[in-house]
Amino acid sequence: MRIQVEQHPTDHGMPMPRRLHFDGHRVDVLETLDQWCGPNYRYIKVRGYDGLYILRFDETRAKWHLTMFKRARAEGDLT
């Protein structure tokens, strides 16, 4: 799913998600949990108030995609 991402640069100039917008929802990124790279893309696992998101950033096209969402089941259950 394609999404709109407000981003901020890291110290190394790499874009990181700050806020997600999709299907009329706005989700603030509370924490970046992990990231891993491929040849022309980067996956970033983040935590929002409602669950976990895995985002794919296409570095060639500078576009973000939502690849996975896991809803939090209970308070604090975001691992």
N, C-alpha and C. Protein backbone atom coordinates (compact mmCIF):
# COMPACT_ATOMS: atom_id res chain seq x y z
N MET A 1 0.85 -1.18 0.00
CA MET A 1 0.00 0.00 0.00
C MET A 1 0.89 1.23 0.00
N ARG A 2 0.60 2.14 -0.88
CA ARG A 2 1.36 3.38 -0.94
C ARG A 2 0.83 4.34 0.13
N ILE A 3 1.73 5.01 0.80
CA ILE A 3 1.35 5.94 1.86
C ILE A 3 2.13 7.23 1.70
N GLN A 4 1.67 8.24 2.38
CA GLN A 4 2.42 9.50 2.44
C GLN A 4 3.15 9.52 3.78
N VAL A 5 4.42 9.87 3.75
CA VAL A 5 5.25 9.85 4.95
C VAL A 5 5.90 11.21 5.15
N GLU A 6 5.66 11.80 6.31
CA GLU A 6 6.43 12.97 6.71
C GLU A 6 7.73 12.41 7.26
N GLN A 7 8.83 12.98 6.83
CA GLN A 7 10.12 12.40 7.21
C GLN A 7 11.07 13.45 7.74
N HIS A 8 12.12 12.95 8.36
CA HIS A 8 13.20 13.80 8.83
C HIS A 8 14.50 13.08 8.52
N PRO A 9 15.58 13.81 8.29
CA PRO A 9 16.85 13.15 7.97
C PRO A 9 17.59 12.70 9.23
N THR A 10 18.34 11.62 9.09
CA THR A 10 19.23 11.19 10.16
C THR A 10 20.49 12.06 10.11
N ASP A 11 21.40 11.81 11.01
CA ASP A 11 22.68 12.52 10.99
C ASP A 11 23.45 12.26 9.70
N HIS A 12 23.15 11.13 9.05
CA HIS A 12 23.83 10.75 7.81
C HIS A 12 23.03 11.16 6.57
N GLY A 13 21.91 11.89 6.77
CA GLY A 13 21.12 12.38 5.66
C GLY A 13 20.10 11.40 5.11
N MET A 14 19.93 10.25 5.74
CA MET A 14 18.96 9.26 5.27
C MET A 14 17.57 9.63 5.78
N PRO A 15 16.54 9.56 4.91
CA PRO A 15 15.19 9.90 5.36
C PRO A 15 14.64 8.85 6.32
N MET A 16 14.02 9.33 7.40
CA MET A 16 13.38 8.46 8.39
C MET A 16 11.96 8.94 8.59
N PRO A 17 11.01 8.02 8.79
CA PRO A 17 9.61 8.42 8.96
C PRO A 17 9.35 9.10 10.30
N ARG A 18 8.55 10.14 10.26
CA ARG A 18 8.14 10.88 11.46
C ARG A 18 6.63 10.72 11.69
N ARG A 19 5.87 10.71 10.58
CA ARG A 19 4.42 10.61 10.66
C ARG A 19 3.93 9.93 9.38
N LEU A 20 2.92 9.06 9.51
CA LEU A 20 2.35 8.32 8.38
C LEU A 20 0.94 8.83 8.10
N HIS A 21 0.58 8.88 6.82
CA HIS A 21 -0.77 9.27 6.39
C HIS A 21 -1.25 8.24 5.37
N PHE A 22 -2.40 7.61 5.64
CA PHE A 22 -3.00 6.67 4.69
C PHE A 22 -4.46 6.45 5.05
N ASP A 23 -5.29 6.28 4.04
CA ASP A 23 -6.73 6.01 4.22
C ASP A 23 -7.38 6.94 5.25
N GLY A 24 -7.01 8.20 5.28
CA GLY A 24 -7.60 9.16 6.19
C GLY A 24 -7.06 9.09 7.62
N HIS A 25 -6.06 8.25 7.85
CA HIS A 25 -5.46 8.12 9.19
C HIS A 25 -4.15 8.89 9.24
N ARG A 26 -3.82 9.36 10.43
CA ARG A 26 -2.53 9.99 10.69
C ARG A 26 -1.94 9.28 11.90
N VAL A 27 -0.73 8.77 11.74
CA VAL A 27 -0.07 8.01 12.81
C VAL A 27 1.31 8.62 13.05
N ASP A 28 1.54 9.07 14.28
CA ASP A 28 2.87 9.55 14.65
C ASP A 28 3.77 8.35 14.92
N VAL A 29 4.99 8.41 14.41
CA VAL A 29 5.98 7.37 14.70
C VAL A 29 6.54 7.64 16.09
N LEU A 30 6.33 6.70 16.99
CA LEU A 30 6.79 6.85 18.37
C LEU A 30 8.21 6.36 18.55
N GLU A 31 8.60 5.36 17.73
CA GLU A 31 9.91 4.75 17.91
C GLU A 31 10.30 3.99 16.65
N THR A 32 11.56 4.07 16.26
CA THR A 32 12.11 3.23 15.21
C THR A 32 12.73 2.02 15.88
N LEU A 33 12.27 0.82 15.49
CA LEU A 33 12.70 -0.40 16.16
C LEU A 33 13.82 -1.12 15.43
N ASP A 34 13.82 -1.05 14.09
CA ASP A 34 14.81 -1.80 13.32
C ASP A 34 14.81 -1.25 11.90
N GLN A 35 15.87 -1.55 11.16
CA GLN A 35 15.92 -1.26 9.74
C GLN A 35 16.93 -2.15 9.08
N TRP A 36 16.68 -2.48 7.81
CA TRP A 36 17.59 -3.31 7.04
C TRP A 36 17.51 -2.88 5.58
N CYS A 37 18.59 -3.12 4.86
CA CYS A 37 18.74 -2.59 3.50
C CYS A 37 18.82 -3.68 2.46
N GLY A 38 18.43 -3.31 1.25
CA GLY A 38 18.61 -4.10 0.05
C GLY A 38 19.34 -3.25 -0.96
N PRO A 39 19.42 -3.70 -2.22
CA PRO A 39 20.18 -2.96 -3.23
C PRO A 39 19.69 -1.52 -3.46
N ASN A 40 18.39 -1.32 -3.58
CA ASN A 40 17.84 0.01 -3.85
C ASN A 40 16.70 0.38 -2.91
N TYR A 41 16.63 -0.28 -1.79
CA TYR A 41 15.53 -0.02 -0.87
C TYR A 41 16.00 -0.19 0.57
N ARG A 42 15.14 0.27 1.48
CA ARG A 42 15.40 0.12 2.90
C ARG A 42 14.08 -0.17 3.59
N TYR A 43 14.06 -1.17 4.45
CA TYR A 43 12.89 -1.47 5.27
C TYR A 43 13.10 -0.86 6.65
N ILE A 44 12.03 -0.30 7.20
CA ILE A 44 12.11 0.33 8.51
C ILE A 44 10.92 -0.14 9.33
N LYS A 45 11.19 -0.69 10.51
CA LYS A 45 10.14 -1.15 11.42
C LYS A 45 9.95 -0.08 12.47
N VAL A 46 8.72 0.44 12.57
CA VAL A 46 8.43 1.52 13.52
C VAL A 46 7.22 1.15 14.37
N ARG A 47 7.11 1.84 15.50
CA ARG A 47 5.97 1.68 16.39
C ARG A 47 5.15 2.95 16.36
N GLY A 48 3.85 2.79 16.16
CA GLY A 48 2.89 3.88 16.27
C GLY A 48 2.01 3.62 17.48
N TYR A 49 1.09 4.52 17.77
CA TYR A 49 0.21 4.35 18.94
C TYR A 49 -0.68 3.12 18.82
N ASP A 50 -0.94 2.68 17.58
CA ASP A 50 -1.89 1.59 17.36
C ASP A 50 -1.26 0.26 16.98
N GLY A 51 0.07 0.22 16.82
CA GLY A 51 0.71 -1.04 16.45
C GLY A 51 2.06 -0.86 15.80
N LEU A 52 2.50 -1.94 15.16
CA LEU A 52 3.79 -1.97 14.48
C LEU A 52 3.60 -1.85 12.99
N TYR A 53 4.52 -1.13 12.34
CA TYR A 53 4.49 -0.93 10.91
C TYR A 53 5.84 -1.31 10.33
N ILE A 54 5.83 -1.96 9.18
CA ILE A 54 7.06 -2.13 8.40
C ILE A 54 6.86 -1.35 7.12
N LEU A 55 7.75 -0.40 6.90
CA LEU A 55 7.72 0.48 5.74
C LEU A 55 8.86 0.13 4.81
N ARG A 56 8.63 0.28 3.52
CA ARG A 56 9.69 0.07 2.53
C ARG A 56 9.93 1.40 1.84
N PHE A 57 11.17 1.85 1.86
CA PHE A 57 11.54 3.09 1.19
C PHE A 57 12.33 2.74 -0.07
N ASP A 58 11.76 3.06 -1.23
CA ASP A 58 12.42 2.85 -2.52
C ASP A 58 13.36 4.02 -2.73
N GLU A 59 14.64 3.79 -2.57
CA GLU A 59 15.62 4.87 -2.64
C GLU A 59 15.77 5.44 -4.05
N THR A 60 15.54 4.61 -5.07
CA THR A 60 15.65 5.08 -6.45
C THR A 60 14.54 6.06 -6.79
N ARG A 61 13.32 5.76 -6.35
CA ARG A 61 12.17 6.60 -6.66
C ARG A 61 11.77 7.54 -5.53
N ALA A 62 12.40 7.39 -4.37
CA ALA A 62 12.08 8.19 -3.17
C ALA A 62 10.60 8.07 -2.82
N LYS A 63 10.10 6.82 -2.80
CA LYS A 63 8.70 6.55 -2.47
C LYS A 63 8.62 5.56 -1.33
N TRP A 64 7.60 5.76 -0.49
CA TRP A 64 7.35 4.90 0.66
C TRP A 64 6.18 3.97 0.38
N HIS A 65 6.24 2.76 0.95
CA HIS A 65 5.16 1.78 0.86
C HIS A 65 4.98 1.14 2.23
N LEU A 66 3.73 0.85 2.56
CA LEU A 66 3.43 0.09 3.77
C LEU A 66 3.43 -1.38 3.39
N THR A 67 4.29 -2.17 4.01
CA THR A 67 4.36 -3.59 3.68
C THR A 67 3.73 -4.48 4.75
N MET A 68 3.63 -3.98 5.99
CA MET A 68 3.02 -4.78 7.05
C MET A 68 2.53 -3.88 8.16
N PHE A 69 1.41 -4.29 8.77
CA PHE A 69 0.89 -3.61 9.95
C PHE A 69 0.41 -4.69 10.92
N LYS A 70 0.78 -4.54 12.18
CA LYS A 70 0.30 -5.45 13.23
C LYS A 70 -0.30 -4.59 14.33
N ARG A 71 -1.61 -4.75 14.53
CA ARG A 71 -2.32 -3.97 15.54
C ARG A 71 -1.92 -4.42 16.93
N ALA A 72 -1.76 -3.45 17.82
CA ALA A 72 -1.46 -3.77 19.23
C ALA A 72 -2.70 -4.41 19.85
N ARG A 73 -2.52 -5.49 20.57
CA ARG A 73 -3.65 -6.18 21.19
C ARG A 73 -4.01 -5.62 22.55
N ALA A 74 -3.01 -5.20 23.29
CA ALA A 74 -3.24 -4.67 24.64
C ALA A 74 -2.20 -3.59 24.90
N GLU A 75 -2.43 -2.80 25.89
CA GLU A 75 -1.48 -1.74 26.28
C GLU A 75 -0.10 -2.34 26.48
N GLY A 76 0.87 -1.82 25.79
CA GLY A 76 2.25 -2.28 25.94
C GLY A 76 2.59 -3.52 25.13
N ASP A 77 1.64 -4.07 24.37
CA ASP A 77 1.89 -5.29 23.59
C ASP A 77 2.30 -4.93 22.18
N LEU A 78 3.49 -4.37 22.02
CA LEU A 78 3.96 -3.95 20.70
C LEU A 78 5.29 -4.56 20.34
N THR A 79 5.57 -5.76 20.74
CA THR A 79 6.84 -6.38 20.39
C THR A 79 6.70 -7.32 19.25
